[in-house]
PDB file of all heavy atoms in Angstrom:
ATOM      1  N   GLN A   1      27.416  18.400 -11.832  1.00  0.00           N
ATOM      2  CA  GLN A   1      27.842  17.689 -10.632  1.00  0.00           C
ATOM      3  C   GLN A   1      27.272  18.360  -9.387  1.00  0.00           C
ATOM      4  O   GLN A   1      27.224  19.579  -9.294  1.00  0.00           O
ATOM      5  CB  GLN A   1      29.362  17.644 -10.545  1.00  0.00           C
ATOM      6  CG  GLN A   1      29.895  16.819  -9.382  1.00  0.00           C
ATOM      7  CD  GLN A   1      31.411  16.720  -9.402  1.00  0.00           C
ATOM      8  OE1 GLN A   1      32.047  17.183 -10.339  1.00  0.00           O
ATOM      9  NE2 GLN A   1      31.982  16.127  -8.378  1.00  0.00           N
ATOM     10  N   GLY A   2      26.831  17.531  -8.436  1.00  0.00           N
ATOM     11  CA  GLY A   2      26.289  18.066  -7.199  1.00  0.00           C
ATOM     12  C   GLY A   2      27.365  18.565  -6.258  1.00  0.00           C
ATOM     13  O   GLY A   2      28.558  18.333  -6.466  1.00  0.00           O
ATOM     14  N   HIS A   3      26.957  19.266  -5.216  1.00  0.00           N
ATOM     15  CA  HIS A   3      27.887  19.837  -4.247  1.00  0.00           C
ATOM     16  C   HIS A   3      27.923  19.062  -2.937  1.00  0.00           C
ATOM     17  O   HIS A   3      28.410  19.564  -1.924  1.00  0.00           O
ATOM     18  CB  HIS A   3      27.530  21.306  -3.973  1.00  0.00           C
ATOM     19  CG  HIS A   3      27.862  22.220  -5.108  1.00  0.00           C
ATOM     20  ND1 HIS A   3      27.130  22.264  -6.270  1.00  0.00           N
ATOM     21  CD2 HIS A   3      28.864  23.118  -5.255  1.00  0.00           C
ATOM     22  CE1 HIS A   3      27.664  23.161  -7.089  1.00  0.00           C
ATOM     23  NE2 HIS A   3      28.713  23.688  -6.500  1.00  0.00           N
ATOM     24  N   LEU A   4      27.407  17.837  -2.941  1.00  0.00           N
ATOM     25  CA  LEU A   4      27.433  17.000  -1.746  1.00  0.00           C
ATOM     26  C   LEU A   4      28.211  15.720  -2.024  1.00  0.00           C
ATOM     27  O   LEU A   4      28.178  15.183  -3.134  1.00  0.00           O
ATOM     28  CB  LEU A   4      26.011  16.624  -1.308  1.00  0.00           C
ATOM     29  CG  LEU A   4      25.092  17.752  -0.849  1.00  0.00           C
ATOM     30  CD1 LEU A   4      23.697  17.196  -0.581  1.00  0.00           C
ATOM     31  CD2 LEU A   4      25.631  18.425   0.407  1.00  0.00           C
ATOM     32  N   TYR A   5      28.905  15.235  -0.996  1.00  0.00           N
ATOM     33  CA  TYR A   5      29.586  13.952  -1.102  1.00  0.00           C
ATOM     34  C   TYR A   5      28.958  12.988  -0.102  1.00  0.00           C
ATOM     35  O   TYR A   5      28.903  13.279   1.093  1.00  0.00           O
ATOM     36  CB  TYR A   5      31.087  14.092  -0.814  1.00  0.00           C
ATOM     37  CG  TYR A   5      31.802  12.761  -0.818  1.00  0.00           C
ATOM     38  CD1 TYR A   5      32.129  12.122  -2.016  1.00  0.00           C
ATOM     39  CD2 TYR A   5      32.123  12.124   0.380  1.00  0.00           C
ATOM     40  CE1 TYR A   5      32.758  10.895  -2.028  1.00  0.00           C
ATOM     41  CE2 TYR A   5      32.756  10.892   0.373  1.00  0.00           C
ATOM     42  CZ  TYR A   5      33.078  10.286  -0.825  1.00  0.00           C
ATOM     43  OH  TYR A   5      33.695   9.072  -0.825  1.00  0.00           O
ATOM     44  N   PHE A   6      28.490  11.862  -0.599  1.00  0.00           N
ATOM     45  CA  PHE A   6      27.878  10.837   0.234  1.00  0.00           C
ATOM     46  C   PHE A   6      28.863   9.684   0.402  1.00  0.00           C
ATOM     47  O   PHE A   6      29.393   9.165  -0.580  1.00  0.00           O
ATOM     48  CB  PHE A   6      26.588  10.311  -0.399  1.00  0.00           C
ATOM     49  CG  PHE A   6      25.446  11.279  -0.375  1.00  0.00           C
ATOM     50  CD1 PHE A   6      25.399  12.349  -1.267  1.00  0.00           C
ATOM     51  CD2 PHE A   6      24.411  11.131   0.535  1.00  0.00           C
ATOM     52  CE1 PHE A   6      24.347  13.246  -1.251  1.00  0.00           C
ATOM     53  CE2 PHE A   6      23.349  12.027   0.565  1.00  0.00           C
ATOM     54  CZ  PHE A   6      23.328  13.089  -0.333  1.00  0.00           C
ATOM     55  N   ASP A   7      29.084   9.290   1.641  1.00  0.00           N
ATOM     56  CA  ASP A   7      29.996   8.184   1.928  1.00  0.00           C
ATOM     57  C   ASP A   7      29.197   6.900   2.134  1.00  0.00           C
ATOM     58  O   ASP A   7      28.047   6.925   2.585  1.00  0.00           O
ATOM     59  CB  ASP A   7      30.793   8.494   3.203  1.00  0.00           C
ATOM     60  CG  ASP A   7      32.088   7.705   3.270  1.00  0.00           C
ATOM     61  OD1 ASP A   7      32.403   6.993   2.292  1.00  0.00           O
ATOM     62  OD2 ASP A   7      32.788   7.808   4.284  1.00  0.00           O
ATOM     63  N   ASP A   8      29.804   5.749   1.769  1.00  0.00           N
ATOM     64  CA  ASP A   8      29.173   4.469   2.075  1.00  0.00           C
ATOM     65  C   ASP A   8      28.960   4.349   3.581  1.00  0.00           C
ATOM     66  O   ASP A   8      29.760   4.863   4.380  1.00  0.00           O
ATOM     67  CB  ASP A   8      30.060   3.300   1.624  1.00  0.00           C
ATOM     68  CG  ASP A   8      30.200   3.204   0.115  1.00  0.00           C
ATOM     69  OD1 ASP A   8      29.294   3.685  -0.608  1.00  0.00           O
ATOM     70  OD2 ASP A   8      31.217   2.646  -0.345  1.00  0.00           O
ATOM     71  N   ALA A   9      27.892   3.676   3.978  1.00  0.00           N
ATOM     72  CA  ALA A   9      27.663   3.399   5.397  1.00  0.00           C
ATOM     73  C   ALA A   9      28.273   2.042   5.728  1.00  0.00           C
ATOM     74  O   ALA A   9      27.813   1.014   5.249  1.00  0.00           O
ATOM     75  CB  ALA A   9      26.166   3.401   5.705  1.00  0.00           C
ATOM     76  N   GLU A  10      29.325   2.075   6.534  1.00  0.00           N
ATOM     77  CA  GLU A  10      30.043   0.856   6.892  1.00  0.00           C
ATOM     78  C   GLU A  10      29.817   0.526   8.361  1.00  0.00           C
ATOM     79  O   GLU A  10      29.421   1.385   9.160  1.00  0.00           O
ATOM     80  CB  GLU A  10      31.532   1.043   6.604  1.00  0.00           C
ATOM     81  CG  GLU A  10      31.808   1.331   5.124  1.00  0.00           C
ATOM     82  CD  GLU A  10      33.283   1.537   4.849  1.00  0.00           C
ATOM     83  OE1 GLU A  10      34.013   1.934   5.795  1.00  0.00           O
ATOM     84  OE2 GLU A  10      33.716   1.312   3.706  1.00  0.00           O
ATOM     85  N   LEU A  11      30.062  -0.704   8.731  1.00  0.00           N
ATOM     86  CA  LEU A  11      29.802  -1.167  10.093  1.00  0.00           C
ATOM     87  C   LEU A  11      30.523  -0.294  11.114  1.00  0.00           C
ATOM     88  O   LEU A  11      31.720  -0.016  10.983  1.00  0.00           O
ATOM     89  CB  LEU A  11      30.230  -2.618  10.252  1.00  0.00           C
ATOM     90  CG  LEU A  11      29.422  -3.653   9.460  1.00  0.00           C
ATOM     91  CD1 LEU A  11      29.984  -5.055   9.679  1.00  0.00           C
ATOM     92  CD2 LEU A  11      27.949  -3.617   9.853  1.00  0.00           C
ATOM     93  N   ALA A  12      29.776   0.125  12.127  1.00  0.00           N
ATOM     94  CA  ALA A  12      30.352   0.976  13.164  1.00  0.00           C
ATOM     95  C   ALA A  12      31.336   0.206  14.038  1.00  0.00           C
ATOM     96  O   ALA A  12      32.281   0.784  14.582  1.00  0.00           O
ATOM     97  CB  ALA A  12      29.236   1.565  14.033  1.00  0.00           C
ATOM     98  N   ASP A  13      31.115  -1.078  14.186  1.00  0.00           N
ATOM     99  CA  ASP A  13      31.988  -1.928  15.000  1.00  0.00           C
ATOM    100  C   ASP A  13      32.775  -2.854  14.078  1.00  0.00           C
ATOM    101  O   ASP A  13      32.205  -3.757  13.464  1.00  0.00           O
ATOM    102  CB  ASP A  13      31.156  -2.753  15.982  1.00  0.00           C
ATOM    103  CG  ASP A  13      32.014  -3.623  16.897  1.00  0.00           C
ATOM    104  OD1 ASP A  13      33.251  -3.638  16.716  1.00  0.00           O
ATOM    105  OD2 ASP A  13      31.452  -4.281  17.785  1.00  0.00           O
ATOM    106  N   PRO A  14      34.091  -2.651  13.938  1.00  0.00           N
ATOM    107  CA  PRO A  14      34.889  -3.480  13.033  1.00  0.00           C
ATOM    108  C   PRO A  14      35.086  -4.908  13.538  1.00  0.00           C
ATOM    109  O   PRO A  14      35.601  -5.758  12.802  1.00  0.00           O
ATOM    110  CB  PRO A  14      36.237  -2.740  12.972  1.00  0.00           C
ATOM    111  CG  PRO A  14      36.327  -2.034  14.288  1.00  0.00           C
ATOM    112  CD  PRO A  14      34.920  -1.638  14.632  1.00  0.00           C
ATOM    113  N   ASP A  15      34.675  -5.177  14.763  1.00  0.00           N
ATOM    114  CA  ASP A  15      34.922  -6.495  15.355  1.00  0.00           C
ATOM    115  C   ASP A  15      33.742  -7.448  15.231  1.00  0.00           C
ATOM    116  O   ASP A  15      33.720  -8.498  15.867  1.00  0.00           O
ATOM    117  CB  ASP A  15      35.304  -6.339  16.833  1.00  0.00           C
ATOM    118  CG  ASP A  15      36.607  -5.586  17.003  1.00  0.00           C
ATOM    119  OD1 ASP A  15      37.496  -5.745  16.155  1.00  0.00           O
ATOM    120  OD2 ASP A  15      36.731  -4.815  17.980  1.00  0.00           O
ATOM    121  N   TYR A  16      32.744  -7.090  14.418  1.00  0.00           N
ATOM    122  CA  TYR A  16      31.648  -8.028  14.178  1.00  0.00           C
ATOM    123  C   TYR A  16      32.199  -9.338  13.615  1.00  0.00           C
ATOM    124  O   TYR A  16      33.144  -9.348  12.816  1.00  0.00           O
ATOM    125  CB  TYR A  16      30.662  -7.457  13.154  1.00  0.00           C
ATOM    126  CG  TYR A  16      29.637  -6.488  13.707  1.00  0.00           C
ATOM    127  CD1 TYR A  16      29.631  -5.152  13.294  1.00  0.00           C
ATOM    128  CD2 TYR A  16      28.655  -6.897  14.594  1.00  0.00           C
ATOM    129  CE1 TYR A  16      28.680  -4.259  13.760  1.00  0.00           C
ATOM    130  CE2 TYR A  16      27.694  -6.006  15.071  1.00  0.00           C
ATOM    131  CZ  TYR A  16      27.710  -4.696  14.648  1.00  0.00           C
ATOM    132  OH  TYR A  16      26.777  -3.814  15.112  1.00  0.00           O
ATOM    133  N   ASP A  17      31.595 -10.455  14.005  1.00  0.00           N
ATOM    134  CA  ASP A  17      31.931 -11.755  13.433  1.00  0.00           C
ATOM    135  C   ASP A  17      31.274 -11.836  12.053  1.00  0.00           C
ATOM    136  O   ASP A  17      30.048 -11.876  11.939  1.00  0.00           O
ATOM    137  CB  ASP A  17      31.404 -12.874  14.339  1.00  0.00           C
ATOM    138  CG  ASP A  17      31.755 -14.260  13.825  1.00  0.00           C
ATOM    139  OD1 ASP A  17      32.220 -14.379  12.668  1.00  0.00           O
ATOM    140  OD2 ASP A  17      31.537 -15.232  14.577  1.00  0.00           O
ATOM    141  N   VAL A  18      32.084 -11.858  10.989  1.00  0.00           N
ATOM    142  CA  VAL A  18      31.562 -11.813   9.623  1.00  0.00           C
ATOM    143  C   VAL A  18      30.577 -12.944   9.359  1.00  0.00           C
ATOM    144  O   VAL A  18      29.578 -12.765   8.652  1.00  0.00           O
ATOM    145  CB  VAL A  18      32.725 -11.862   8.601  1.00  0.00           C
ATOM    146  CG1 VAL A  18      32.183 -11.952   7.180  1.00  0.00           C
ATOM    147  CG2 VAL A  18      33.608 -10.634   8.744  1.00  0.00           C
ATOM    148  N   SER A  19      30.802 -14.087   9.948  1.00  0.00           N
ATOM    149  CA  SER A  19      29.931 -15.246   9.695  1.00  0.00           C
ATOM    150  C   SER A  19      28.538 -15.070  10.285  1.00  0.00           C
ATOM    151  O   SER A  19      27.619 -15.819   9.945  1.00  0.00           O
ATOM    152  CB  SER A  19      30.572 -16.521  10.258  1.00  0.00           C
ATOM    153  OG  SER A  19      30.641 -16.476  11.679  1.00  0.00           O
ATOM    154  N   GLN A  20      28.375 -14.064  11.164  1.00  0.00           N
ATOM    155  CA  GLN A  20      27.083 -13.859  11.833  1.00  0.00           C
ATOM    156  C   GLN A  20      26.319 -12.647  11.296  1.00  0.00           C
ATOM    157  O   GLN A  20      25.292 -12.268  11.858  1.00  0.00           O
ATOM    158  CB  GLN A  20      27.319 -13.668  13.341  1.00  0.00           C
ATOM    159  CG  GLN A  20      28.049 -14.821  14.016  1.00  0.00           C
ATOM    160  CD  GLN A  20      27.258 -16.117  13.954  1.00  0.00           C
ATOM    161  OE1 GLN A  20      26.048 -16.124  14.184  1.00  0.00           O
ATOM    162  NE2 GLN A  20      27.936 -17.205  13.643  1.00  0.00           N
ATOM    163  N   LEU A  21      26.788 -12.045  10.207  1.00  0.00           N
ATOM    164  CA  LEU A  21      26.210 -10.792   9.733  1.00  0.00           C
ATOM    165  C   LEU A  21      25.058 -10.980   8.746  1.00  0.00           C
ATOM    166  O   LEU A  21      24.319 -10.028   8.479  1.00  0.00           O
ATOM    167  CB  LEU A  21      27.292  -9.932   9.083  1.00  0.00           C
ATOM    168  CG  LEU A  21      28.453  -9.516   9.993  1.00  0.00           C
ATOM    169  CD1 LEU A  21      29.450  -8.668   9.220  1.00  0.00           C
ATOM    170  CD2 LEU A  21      27.936  -8.774  11.213  1.00  0.00           C
ATOM    171  N   THR A  22      24.924 -12.146   8.178  1.00  0.00           N
ATOM    172  CA  THR A  22      23.851 -12.407   7.214  1.00  0.00           C
ATOM    173  C   THR A  22      23.169 -13.728   7.536  1.00  0.00           C
ATOM    174  O   THR A  22      23.698 -14.555   8.277  1.00  0.00           O
ATOM    175  CB  THR A  22      24.392 -12.474   5.768  1.00  0.00           C
ATOM    176  OG1 THR A  22      25.319 -13.566   5.654  1.00  0.00           O
ATOM    177  CG2 THR A  22      25.080 -11.175   5.379  1.00  0.00           C
ATOM    178  N   ARG A  23      21.982 -13.892   6.971  1.00  0.00           N
ATOM    179  CA  ARG A  23      21.280 -15.166   7.103  1.00  0.00           C
ATOM    180  C   ARG A  23      20.403 -15.366   5.879  1.00  0.00           C
ATOM    181  O   ARG A  23      20.086 -14.405   5.159  1.00  0.00           O
ATOM    182  CB  ARG A  23      20.425 -15.190   8.367  1.00  0.00           C
ATOM    183  CG  ARG A  23      19.282 -14.200   8.440  1.00  0.00           C
ATOM    184  CD  ARG A  23      18.693 -14.164   9.842  1.00  0.00           C
ATOM    185  NE  ARG A  23      17.565 -13.266   9.974  1.00  0.00           N
ATOM    186  CZ  ARG A  23      16.293 -13.663  10.026  1.00  0.00           C
ATOM    187  NH1 ARG A  23      16.011 -14.960   9.941  1.00  0.00           N
ATOM    188  NH2 ARG A  23      15.310 -12.801  10.151  1.00  0.00           N
ATOM    189  N   GLU A  24      20.022 -16.606   5.625  1.00  0.00           N
ATOM    190  CA  GLU A  24      19.210 -16.923   4.458  1.00  0.00           C
ATOM    191  C   GLU A  24      17.733 -16.928   4.811  1.00  0.00           C
ATOM    192  O   GLU A  24      17.348 -17.377   5.889  1.00  0.00           O
ATOM    193  CB  GLU A  24      19.623 -18.272   3.865  1.00  0.00           C
ATOM    194  CG  GLU A  24      21.022 -18.249   3.274  1.00  0.00           C
ATOM    195  CD  GLU A  24      21.425 -19.587   2.680  1.00  0.00           C
ATOM    196  OE1 GLU A  24      20.595 -20.533   2.742  1.00  0.00           O
ATOM    197  OE2 GLU A  24      22.548 -19.699   2.154  1.00  0.00           O
ATOM    198  N   ARG A  25      16.935 -16.403   3.879  1.00  0.00           N
ATOM    199  CA  ARG A  25      15.477 -16.373   4.074  1.00  0.00           C
ATOM    200  C   ARG A  25      14.785 -16.752   2.776  1.00  0.00           C
ATOM    201  O   ARG A  25      15.257 -16.412   1.688  1.00  0.00           O
ATOM    202  CB  ARG A  25      15.005 -14.977   4.510  1.00  0.00           C
ATOM    203  CG  ARG A  25      15.473 -14.573   5.888  1.00  0.00           C
ATOM    204  CD  ARG A  25      14.833 -13.281   6.331  1.00  0.00           C
ATOM    205  NE  ARG A  25      13.383 -13.412   6.460  1.00  0.00           N
ATOM    206  CZ  ARG A  25      12.577 -12.428   6.864  1.00  0.00           C
ATOM    207  NH1 ARG A  25      13.093 -11.250   7.181  1.00  0.00           N
ATOM    208  NH2 ARG A  25      11.286 -12.602   6.957  1.00  0.00           N
ATOM    209  N   LYS A  26      13.673 -17.455   2.902  1.00  0.00           N
ATOM    210  CA  LYS A  26      12.860 -17.806   1.743  1.00  0.00           C
ATOM    211  C   LYS A  26      11.619 -16.914   1.723  1.00  0.00           C
ATOM    212  O   LYS A  26      11.083 -16.576   2.769  1.00  0.00           O
ATOM    213  CB  LYS A  26      12.419 -19.269   1.804  1.00  0.00           C
ATOM    214  CG  LYS A  26      13.564 -20.271   1.754  1.00  0.00           C
ATOM    215  CD  LYS A  26      13.015 -21.690   1.873  1.00  0.00           C
ATOM    216  CE  LYS A  26      14.147 -22.707   1.876  1.00  0.00           C
ATOM    217  NZ  LYS A  26      13.636 -24.095   2.044  1.00  0.00           N
ATOM    218  N   ARG A  27      11.176 -16.559   0.520  1.00  0.00           N
ATOM    219  CA  ARG A  27       9.921 -15.826   0.402  1.00  0.00           C
ATOM    220  C   ARG A  27       9.312 -16.077  -0.972  1.00  0.00           C
ATOM    221  O   ARG A  27       9.990 -16.516  -1.906  1.00  0.00           O
ATOM    222  CB  ARG A  27      10.106 -14.330   0.640  1.00  0.00           C
ATOM    223  CG  ARG A  27      10.812 -13.553  -0.451  1.00  0.00           C
ATOM    224  CD  ARG A  27      10.885 -12.087  -0.050  1.00  0.00           C
ATOM    225  NE  ARG A  27      11.546 -11.273  -1.049  1.00  0.00           N
ATOM    226  CZ  ARG A  27      10.901 -10.592  -2.008  1.00  0.00           C
ATOM    227  NH1 ARG A  27       9.580 -10.680  -2.098  1.00  0.00           N
ATOM    228  NH2 ARG A  27      11.558  -9.850  -2.875  1.00  0.00           N
ATOM    229  N   ILE A  28       8.024 -15.796  -1.084  1.00  0.00           N
ATOM    230  CA  ILE A  28       7.298 -15.957  -2.341  1.00  0.00           C
ATOM    231  C   ILE A  28       7.267 -14.618  -3.068  1.00  0.00           C
ATOM    232  O   ILE A  28       6.902 -13.590  -2.492  1.00  0.00           O
ATOM    233  CB  ILE A  28       5.856 -16.439  -2.092  1.00  0.00           C
ATOM    234  CG1 ILE A  28       5.858 -17.767  -1.337  1.00  0.00           C
ATOM    235  CG2 ILE A  28       5.097 -16.554  -3.407  1.00  0.00           C
ATOM    236  CD1 ILE A  28       6.451 -18.915  -2.111  1.00  0.00           C
ATOM    237  N   ALA A  29       7.670 -14.628  -4.336  1.00  0.00           N
ATOM    238  CA  ALA A  29       7.646 -13.410  -5.139  1.00  0.00           C
ATOM    239  C   ALA A  29       6.288 -13.270  -5.807  1.00  0.00           C
ATOM    240  O   ALA A  29       5.801 -14.198  -6.458  1.00  0.00           O
ATOM    241  CB  ALA A  29       8.744 -13.451  -6.197  1.00  0.00           C
ATOM    242  N   LEU A  30       5.673 -12.090  -5.646  1.00  0.00           N
ATOM    243  CA  LEU A  30       4.351 -11.834  -6.208  1.00  0.00           C
ATOM    244  C   LEU A  30       4.430 -10.812  -7.338  1.00  0.00           C
ATOM    245  O   LEU A  30       5.257  -9.894  -7.307  1.00  0.00           O
ATOM    246  CB  LEU A  30       3.399 -11.308  -5.126  1.00  0.00           C
ATOM    247  CG  LEU A  30       3.146 -12.220  -3.937  1.00  0.00           C
ATOM    248  CD1 LEU A  30       2.251 -11.508  -2.925  1.00  0.00           C
ATOM    249  CD2 LEU A  30       2.497 -13.526  -4.381  1.00  0.00           C
ATOM    250  N   ASP A  31       3.573 -10.977  -8.319  1.00  0.00           N
ATOM    251  CA  ASP A  31       3.387  -9.968  -9.352  1.00  0.00           C
ATOM    252  C   ASP A  31       2.366  -8.980  -8.790  1.00  0.00           C
ATOM    253  O   ASP A  31       1.166  -9.245  -8.761  1.00  0.00           O
ATOM    254  CB  ASP A  31       2.859 -10.613 -10.635  1.00  0.00           C
ATOM    255  CG  ASP A  31       2.724  -9.617 -11.784  1.00  0.00           C
ATOM    256  OD1 ASP A  31       2.446  -8.434 -11.508  1.00  0.00           O
ATOM    257  OD2 ASP A  31       2.894 -10.024 -12.945  1.00  0.00           O
ATOM    258  N   ARG A  32       2.830  -7.822  -8.296  1.00  0.00           N
ATOM    259  CA  ARG A  32       1.941  -6.895  -7.601  1.00  0.00           C
ATOM    260  C   ARG A  32       0.871  -6.306  -8.530  1.00  0.00           C
ATOM    261  O   ARG A  32      -0.247  -6.025  -8.096  1.00  0.00           O
ATOM    262  CB  ARG A  32       2.753  -5.769  -6.957  1.00  0.00           C
ATOM    263  CG  ARG A  32       3.673  -6.234  -5.844  1.00  0.00           C
ATOM    264  CD  ARG A  32       4.198  -5.042  -5.050  1.00  0.00           C
ATOM    265  NE  ARG A  32       5.145  -5.480  -4.053  1.00  0.00           N
ATOM    266  CZ  ARG A  32       6.459  -5.535  -4.236  1.00  0.00           C
ATOM    267  NH1 ARG A  32       6.955  -5.196  -5.408  1.00  0.00           N
ATOM    268  NH2 ARG A  32       7.271  -5.941  -3.287  1.00  0.00           N
ATOM    269  N   LYS A  33       1.208  -6.136  -9.803  1.00  0.00           N
ATOM    270  CA  LYS A  33       0.250  -5.556 -10.727  1.00  0.00           C
ATOM    271  C   LYS A  33      -0.945  -6.481 -10.943  1.00  0.00           C
ATOM    272  O   LYS A  33      -2.096  -6.058 -10.907  1.00  0.00           O
ATOM    273  CB  LYS A  33       0.932  -5.247 -12.067  1.00  0.00           C
ATOM    274  CG  LYS A  33      -0.001  -4.611 -13.086  1.00  0.00           C
ATOM    275  CD  LYS A  33       0.748  -4.279 -14.375  1.00  0.00           C
ATOM    276  CE  LYS A  33      -0.196  -3.643 -15.400  1.00  0.00           C
ATOM    277  NZ  LYS A  33       0.524  -3.326 -16.668  1.00  0.00           N
TER     278      LYS A  33
END
């Protein structure tokens, strides 16, 4: 076991409007190889 504890990074401002935090995007998936 390591000697460090990492905490989740949560929103600094709890008053964000949840409905405005994400958006949908389209993209083309490529086979890089």
